[in-house]
Structure formats: C-alpha cells, structure tokens
Amino acid sequence: MFVLVSDAGDGNGVRATITEPENLKQLHAEFRRVDDETAARALRDTGIGVVDGDHAWLKTSALRAAGNGSAEWMAGFDAMLAYAASNGWASADGSQVRAHIVRSS
C-alpha cells in the first residue's frame, strides 16, 4: 500500500490516491512530479495526511477505507499498524501512521 501524489499531466491538477491497498508489506508516500508544498496540500485537501519533513503522517482511517474490508485484509492491516506502532511509527492514539516519502520525477 502506498499513497501516490502526482500531477497526471492532463490538466486536472495534482491528485493524492491510495494505491495497491492489497499490499500490506510496505507503506510509503510517493511524490511523483510534484514539489513537497504541492504534495502536502494534496494530502491535506484529500484528508489522507500531512507532510512532516521526509515523512508523511497518514490517517489510518483513510488507509483502512481503501481496503476491501474482508476479515483477512482487516487482520493484515491491523498487523501492519501494530508493527508500525512497535517501531514508534504511529501516533499515540493510533489515528496516524508515519510513512517515508519517496520522491521521483
């Protein structure tokens, strides 16, 4: 699972979307062809998260909503969040998870 923030180049502006929700073995935010300020605005405007330096704090509710809702997926998602929390990559209340940012052009 990752959050893609990109300029599609079709005149419709910058989009932030949750991609590959079935992959619960990795989590990151990818900024493709956008600067950090523009990406931060897209994340904030879509309600997915916020930028904090080289990391994004992503709302777990938004990530959860992107899944298929199956019991198997929910168990995997909860395990991913537990792993993140055990490494200090989650907010104290569990509402956000920290993801590194990959920047590409």
Protein backbone atom coordinates (compact mmCIF):
# COMPACT_ATOMS: atom_id res chain seq x y z
CA MET A 1 0.00 0.00 0.00
CA PHE A 2 1.23 3.45 -0.76
CA VAL A 3 -0.08 6.95 -1.19
CA LEU A 4 0.67 8.39 -4.61
CA VAL A 5 0.69 12.15 -5.01
CA SER A 6 1.21 13.08 -8.64
CA ASP A 7 0.49 15.51 -11.39
CA ALA A 8 -1.16 13.39 -14.04
CA GLY A 9 -0.22 15.94 -16.67
CA ASP A 10 -3.75 16.01 -18.06
CA GLY A 11 -4.64 19.47 -16.80
CA ASN A 12 -6.66 18.13 -13.88
CA GLY A 13 -4.07 19.09 -11.28
CA VAL A 14 -2.40 17.11 -8.53
CA ARG A 15 -4.05 14.03 -7.08
CA ALA A 16 -3.43 12.08 -3.89
CA THR A 17 -4.65 8.49 -4.01
CA ILE A 18 -4.15 5.33 -2.00
CA THR A 19 -2.67 2.71 -4.31
CA GLU A 20 -2.16 -1.05 -4.03
CA PRO A 21 -4.15 -1.45 -0.80
CA GLU A 22 -3.76 -5.23 -1.05
CA ASN A 23 0.00 -4.92 -0.39
CA LEU A 24 0.28 -4.69 3.38
CA LYS A 25 4.01 -5.47 3.46
CA GLN A 26 5.10 -1.91 2.71
CA LEU A 27 3.83 1.58 3.30
CA HIS A 28 5.19 4.81 1.88
CA ALA A 29 4.14 8.05 0.25
CA GLU A 30 5.39 8.71 -3.27
CA PHE A 31 5.61 12.24 -4.61
CA ARG A 32 5.81 11.96 -8.39
CA ARG A 33 6.44 15.14 -10.41
CA VAL A 34 5.31 17.40 -7.54
CA ASP A 35 7.15 19.50 -5.01
CA ASP A 36 6.68 18.98 -1.28
CA GLU A 37 4.43 22.00 -0.79
CA THR A 38 2.05 20.91 -3.54
CA ALA A 39 2.06 17.33 -2.26
CA ALA A 40 1.36 18.49 1.29
CA ARG A 41 -1.63 20.48 0.08
CA ALA A 42 -2.99 17.49 -1.87
CA LEU A 43 -2.63 15.18 1.13
CA ARG A 44 -4.31 17.70 3.41
CA ASP A 45 -7.11 18.51 0.95
CA THR A 46 -7.99 14.84 0.43
CA GLY A 47 -7.89 14.11 4.15
CA ILE A 48 -5.23 11.43 3.73
CA GLY A 49 -2.48 13.04 5.79
CA VAL A 50 0.15 15.69 6.32
CA VAL A 51 3.84 16.12 5.47
CA ASP A 52 6.47 16.34 8.20
CA GLY A 53 9.94 16.68 6.67
CA ASP A 54 10.92 13.42 4.98
CA HIS A 55 7.84 11.64 6.30
CA ALA A 56 4.11 11.77 5.86
CA TRP A 57 1.69 11.14 8.69
CA LEU A 58 -1.17 9.22 7.09
CA LYS A 59 -4.62 8.84 8.60
CA THR A 60 -5.27 5.22 9.42
CA SER A 61 -8.98 5.73 8.77
CA ALA A 62 -8.26 6.78 5.17
CA LEU A 63 -5.92 3.83 4.65
CA ARG A 64 -8.44 1.41 6.17
CA ALA A 65 -11.21 2.76 3.90
CA ALA A 66 -9.09 1.88 0.84
CA GLY A 67 -9.06 -1.83 1.69
CA ASN A 68 -11.50 -4.47 0.55
CA GLY A 69 -12.98 -4.87 4.04
CA SER A 70 -12.53 -8.64 4.20
CA ALA A 71 -11.66 -10.21 7.54
CA GLU A 72 -8.33 -11.36 6.09
CA TRP A 73 -7.48 -7.87 4.84
CA MET A 74 -8.51 -6.24 8.13
CA ALA A 75 -6.33 -8.67 10.11
CA GLY A 76 -3.37 -7.91 7.84
CA PHE A 77 -3.97 -4.18 8.09
CA ASP A 78 -4.16 -4.35 11.89
CA ALA A 79 -0.90 -6.35 11.93
CA MET A 80 0.75 -3.70 9.76
CA LEU A 81 -0.37 -0.98 12.17
CA ALA A 82 0.80 -2.99 15.19
CA TYR A 83 4.21 -3.40 13.57
CA ALA A 84 4.38 0.33 12.89
CA ALA A 85 3.40 1.12 16.47
CA SER A 86 6.03 -1.28 17.86
CA ASN A 87 8.67 0.70 15.96
CA GLY A 88 7.39 4.12 17.05
CA TRP A 89 5.88 4.89 13.65
CA ALA A 90 2.34 5.52 14.86
CA SER A 91 0.68 8.30 16.80
CA ALA A 92 -0.12 7.57 20.44
CA ASP A 93 -3.83 7.30 19.69
CA GLY A 94 -3.31 5.13 16.58
CA SER A 95 -5.07 7.60 14.29
CA GLN A 96 -1.95 8.22 12.16
CA VAL A 97 0.94 6.18 10.89
CA ARG A 98 4.28 7.55 9.70
CA ALA A 99 5.46 6.71 6.20
CA HIS A 100 8.68 7.68 4.46
CA ILE A 101 8.46 9.79 1.33
CA VAL A 102 9.86 8.63 -1.99
CA ARG A 103 10.38 11.49 -4.43
CA SER A 104 10.54 10.83 -8.16
CA SER A 105 10.31 12.83 -11.35
